[in-house]
Amino acid sequence: MRPNQTVKIGSEVLVQFEDGFRDIYTIVNSPSADASEGKISDECPLGKAILGQKPKEKISYLLNPAGKKISCLILKVNPHLRLQRHF
């Protein structure tokens, strides 16, 4: 596996949640975060959980301290993924 496939700030990450929903997120610093554009902060629960991870790794995180545990599978990591977002 190539080193650039590790999730870091600036990476675009394709993830699949337990219910089958897939989405692409770009990991950014907090001031640049904009959920409507798929840009999530490296300090939010999902951002923290996927930093440093690689494709085919399953991760879990808490939505908030009292929240539900969410799991997802990292499908692709690429700084130039450029896939269409689907809602």
N, C-alpha and C. Protein backbone atom coordinates (compact mmCIF):
# COMPACT_ATOMS: atom_id res chain seq x y z
N MET A 1 0.84 -1.18 0.00
CA MET A 1 0.00 0.00 0.00
C MET A 1 0.89 1.24 0.00
N ARG A 2 0.54 2.18 -0.82
CA ARG A 2 1.34 3.40 -0.91
C ARG A 2 1.12 4.29 0.32
N PRO A 3 2.18 4.98 0.78
CA PRO A 3 2.05 5.82 1.96
C PRO A 3 1.03 6.94 1.82
N ASN A 4 0.80 7.44 0.60
CA ASN A 4 -0.14 8.54 0.44
C ASN A 4 -1.60 8.09 0.60
N GLN A 5 -1.81 6.81 0.86
CA GLN A 5 -3.17 6.31 1.09
C GLN A 5 -3.55 6.38 2.57
N THR A 6 -2.68 6.92 3.39
CA THR A 6 -3.00 7.13 4.80
C THR A 6 -3.77 8.43 4.92
N VAL A 7 -4.85 8.42 5.70
CA VAL A 7 -5.67 9.63 5.85
C VAL A 7 -4.88 10.69 6.62
N LYS A 8 -4.85 11.88 6.03
CA LYS A 8 -4.20 13.03 6.67
C LYS A 8 -5.00 14.27 6.29
N ILE A 9 -4.65 15.41 6.85
CA ILE A 9 -5.34 16.64 6.50
C ILE A 9 -5.14 16.88 5.00
N GLY A 10 -6.22 17.15 4.31
CA GLY A 10 -6.20 17.35 2.86
C GLY A 10 -6.64 16.13 2.08
N SER A 11 -6.70 14.97 2.74
CA SER A 11 -7.13 13.74 2.06
C SER A 11 -8.63 13.77 1.79
N GLU A 12 -9.00 13.18 0.66
CA GLU A 12 -10.40 12.89 0.39
C GLU A 12 -10.59 11.42 0.71
N VAL A 13 -11.64 11.13 1.45
CA VAL A 13 -11.85 9.77 1.96
C VAL A 13 -13.26 9.31 1.61
N LEU A 14 -13.35 8.16 0.95
CA LEU A 14 -14.63 7.54 0.66
C LEU A 14 -14.91 6.53 1.76
N VAL A 15 -16.02 6.70 2.47
CA VAL A 15 -16.36 5.79 3.56
C VAL A 15 -17.73 5.18 3.31
N GLN A 16 -17.94 3.99 3.88
CA GLN A 16 -19.24 3.33 3.83
C GLN A 16 -19.67 3.03 5.25
N PHE A 17 -20.86 3.52 5.60
CA PHE A 17 -21.40 3.31 6.93
C PHE A 17 -22.11 1.97 7.00
N GLU A 18 -22.45 1.55 8.21
CA GLU A 18 -23.06 0.23 8.43
C GLU A 18 -24.35 0.03 7.65
N ASP A 19 -25.10 1.10 7.39
CA ASP A 19 -26.36 0.98 6.66
C ASP A 19 -26.16 0.95 5.14
N GLY A 20 -24.89 0.98 4.69
CA GLY A 20 -24.58 0.94 3.27
C GLY A 20 -24.39 2.30 2.64
N PHE A 21 -24.75 3.38 3.35
CA PHE A 21 -24.60 4.72 2.82
C PHE A 21 -23.11 5.03 2.63
N ARG A 22 -22.77 5.59 1.49
CA ARG A 22 -21.39 5.98 1.18
C ARG A 22 -21.32 7.48 1.00
N ASP A 23 -20.22 8.07 1.44
CA ASP A 23 -20.00 9.49 1.20
C ASP A 23 -18.52 9.78 1.18
N ILE A 24 -18.19 10.93 0.63
CA ILE A 24 -16.80 11.38 0.52
C ILE A 24 -16.62 12.57 1.44
N TYR A 25 -15.54 12.55 2.20
CA TYR A 25 -15.22 13.65 3.09
C TYR A 25 -13.79 14.10 2.82
N THR A 26 -13.58 15.40 2.88
CA THR A 26 -12.24 15.95 2.82
C THR A 26 -11.88 16.37 4.24
N ILE A 27 -10.72 15.94 4.72
CA ILE A 27 -10.29 16.27 6.07
C ILE A 27 -9.57 17.61 6.02
N VAL A 28 -10.05 18.57 6.82
CA VAL A 28 -9.49 19.91 6.83
C VAL A 28 -9.27 20.38 8.27
N ASN A 29 -8.55 21.49 8.43
CA ASN A 29 -8.43 22.13 9.73
C ASN A 29 -9.78 22.75 10.09
N SER A 30 -10.04 22.92 11.38
CA SER A 30 -11.34 23.42 11.85
C SER A 30 -11.84 24.67 11.14
N PRO A 31 -11.02 25.70 10.93
CA PRO A 31 -11.56 26.91 10.28
C PRO A 31 -12.08 26.68 8.87
N SER A 32 -11.63 25.63 8.20
CA SER A 32 -12.04 25.36 6.82
C SER A 32 -13.20 24.39 6.71
N ALA A 33 -13.65 23.85 7.84
CA ALA A 33 -14.71 22.84 7.83
C ALA A 33 -16.02 23.42 7.31
N ASP A 34 -16.71 22.65 6.47
CA ASP A 34 -18.01 23.03 5.93
C ASP A 34 -18.73 21.74 5.54
N ALA A 35 -19.59 21.26 6.42
CA ALA A 35 -20.26 19.98 6.21
C ALA A 35 -21.05 19.94 4.91
N SER A 36 -21.63 21.07 4.49
CA SER A 36 -22.41 21.08 3.26
C SER A 36 -21.56 20.81 2.02
N GLU A 37 -20.24 21.01 2.15
CA GLU A 37 -19.32 20.73 1.05
C GLU A 37 -18.52 19.45 1.29
N GLY A 38 -18.87 18.72 2.34
CA GLY A 38 -18.17 17.47 2.64
C GLY A 38 -16.81 17.68 3.28
N LYS A 39 -16.55 18.88 3.78
CA LYS A 39 -15.26 19.19 4.43
C LYS A 39 -15.44 19.05 5.93
N ILE A 40 -14.80 18.03 6.52
CA ILE A 40 -14.93 17.82 7.95
C ILE A 40 -13.63 18.12 8.66
N SER A 41 -13.76 18.61 9.87
CA SER A 41 -12.62 19.00 10.68
C SER A 41 -11.84 17.78 11.18
N ASP A 42 -10.54 17.97 11.30
CA ASP A 42 -9.71 16.93 11.89
C ASP A 42 -9.98 16.81 13.39
N GLU A 43 -10.80 17.70 13.95
CA GLU A 43 -11.13 17.68 15.37
C GLU A 43 -12.52 17.13 15.65
N CYS A 44 -13.34 16.90 14.62
CA CYS A 44 -14.67 16.33 14.84
C CYS A 44 -14.52 14.83 15.08
N PRO A 45 -15.53 14.17 15.65
CA PRO A 45 -15.40 12.75 15.96
C PRO A 45 -14.99 11.87 14.78
N LEU A 46 -15.62 12.04 13.62
CA LEU A 46 -15.25 11.23 12.46
C LEU A 46 -13.85 11.58 11.98
N GLY A 47 -13.55 12.86 11.91
CA GLY A 47 -12.22 13.30 11.48
C GLY A 47 -11.11 12.72 12.35
N LYS A 48 -11.29 12.79 13.66
CA LYS A 48 -10.31 12.23 14.59
C LYS A 48 -10.15 10.73 14.38
N ALA A 49 -11.27 10.04 14.18
CA ALA A 49 -11.25 8.58 14.06
C ALA A 49 -10.54 8.09 12.80
N ILE A 50 -10.66 8.84 11.70
CA ILE A 50 -10.07 8.33 10.46
C ILE A 50 -8.66 8.84 10.17
N LEU A 51 -8.21 9.87 10.89
CA LEU A 51 -6.84 10.34 10.67
C LEU A 51 -5.85 9.22 10.93
N GLY A 52 -4.91 9.04 10.02
CA GLY A 52 -3.89 8.02 10.17
C GLY A 52 -4.31 6.63 9.73
N GLN A 53 -5.57 6.46 9.34
CA GLN A 53 -6.07 5.15 8.92
C GLN A 53 -5.84 4.94 7.42
N LYS A 54 -6.08 3.72 6.97
CA LYS A 54 -5.86 3.34 5.57
C LYS A 54 -7.10 2.65 5.01
N PRO A 55 -7.17 2.52 3.68
CA PRO A 55 -8.30 1.80 3.08
C PRO A 55 -8.45 0.40 3.66
N LYS A 56 -9.70 -0.04 3.72
CA LYS A 56 -10.12 -1.35 4.20
C LYS A 56 -10.08 -1.45 5.73
N GLU A 57 -9.83 -0.34 6.41
CA GLU A 57 -9.87 -0.36 7.87
C GLU A 57 -11.26 0.07 8.33
N LYS A 58 -11.78 -0.65 9.32
CA LYS A 58 -13.07 -0.31 9.91
C LYS A 58 -12.80 0.50 11.17
N ILE A 59 -13.52 1.60 11.30
CA ILE A 59 -13.33 2.45 12.47
C ILE A 59 -14.69 2.68 13.15
N SER A 60 -14.63 3.01 14.42
CA SER A 60 -15.83 3.34 15.19
C SER A 60 -15.55 4.62 15.96
N TYR A 61 -16.58 5.40 16.18
CA TYR A 61 -16.45 6.64 16.93
C TYR A 61 -17.78 6.99 17.57
N LEU A 62 -17.72 7.83 18.61
CA LEU A 62 -18.93 8.32 19.25
C LEU A 62 -19.29 9.66 18.63
N LEU A 63 -20.56 9.82 18.28
CA LEU A 63 -21.01 11.06 17.68
C LEU A 63 -20.81 12.24 18.63
N ASN A 64 -21.03 12.02 19.91
CA ASN A 64 -20.74 12.98 20.97
C ASN A 64 -20.54 12.18 22.25
N PRO A 65 -20.09 12.77 23.33
CA PRO A 65 -19.79 11.98 24.54
C PRO A 65 -20.93 11.09 25.02
N ALA A 66 -22.17 11.53 24.85
CA ALA A 66 -23.30 10.71 25.28
C ALA A 66 -23.99 10.05 24.09
N GLY A 67 -23.35 10.12 22.95
CA GLY A 67 -24.00 9.71 21.70
C GLY A 67 -23.86 8.25 21.32
N LYS A 68 -24.43 7.98 20.18
CA LYS A 68 -24.45 6.66 19.58
C LYS A 68 -23.09 6.33 18.97
N LYS A 69 -22.70 5.07 19.07
CA LYS A 69 -21.46 4.60 18.45
C LYS A 69 -21.74 4.35 16.97
N ILE A 70 -20.90 4.91 16.13
CA ILE A 70 -21.05 4.77 14.68
C ILE A 70 -19.81 4.07 14.12
N SER A 71 -20.03 3.16 13.19
CA SER A 71 -18.92 2.45 12.56
C SER A 71 -18.98 2.67 11.06
N CYS A 72 -17.81 2.70 10.44
CA CYS A 72 -17.75 2.81 8.99
C CYS A 72 -16.47 2.15 8.49
N LEU A 73 -16.47 1.85 7.21
CA LEU A 73 -15.34 1.24 6.54
C LEU A 73 -14.73 2.26 5.60
N ILE A 74 -13.42 2.42 5.66
CA ILE A 74 -12.72 3.32 4.75
C ILE A 74 -12.52 2.57 3.44
N LEU A 75 -13.11 3.06 2.37
CA LEU A 75 -13.01 2.39 1.07
C LEU A 75 -11.84 2.91 0.24
N LYS A 76 -11.67 4.23 0.20
CA LYS A 76 -10.59 4.83 -0.59
C LYS A 76 -10.04 6.06 0.12
N VAL A 77 -8.75 6.25 -0.05
CA VAL A 77 -8.10 7.46 0.45
C VAL A 77 -7.24 7.98 -0.70
N ASN A 78 -7.47 9.24 -1.05
CA ASN A 78 -6.72 9.80 -2.16
C ASN A 78 -6.82 11.32 -2.11
N PRO A 79 -5.72 12.01 -2.26
CA PRO A 79 -5.80 13.47 -2.26
C PRO A 79 -6.48 14.01 -3.52
N HIS A 80 -6.70 13.17 -4.53
CA HIS A 80 -7.32 13.63 -5.77
C HIS A 80 -8.46 12.72 -6.19
N LEU A 81 -9.25 12.25 -5.23
CA LEU A 81 -10.31 11.29 -5.51
C LEU A 81 -11.37 11.87 -6.47
N ARG A 82 -11.84 13.06 -6.18
CA ARG A 82 -12.77 13.81 -7.03
C ARG A 82 -14.01 13.03 -7.47
N LEU A 83 -14.60 12.30 -6.55
CA LEU A 83 -15.84 11.59 -6.85
C LEU A 83 -17.03 12.50 -6.56
N GLN A 84 -18.15 12.20 -7.19
CA GLN A 84 -19.37 12.96 -6.95
C GLN A 84 -19.95 12.58 -5.58
N ARG A 85 -20.45 13.56 -4.86
CA ARG A 85 -21.12 13.30 -3.58
C ARG A 85 -22.57 12.96 -3.84
N HIS A 86 -23.09 11.97 -3.12
CA HIS A 86 -24.49 11.56 -3.25
C HIS A 86 -25.15 11.64 -1.89
N PHE A 87 -26.36 12.15 -1.85
CA PHE A 87 -27.11 12.25 -0.59
C PHE A 87 -28.36 11.42 -0.67
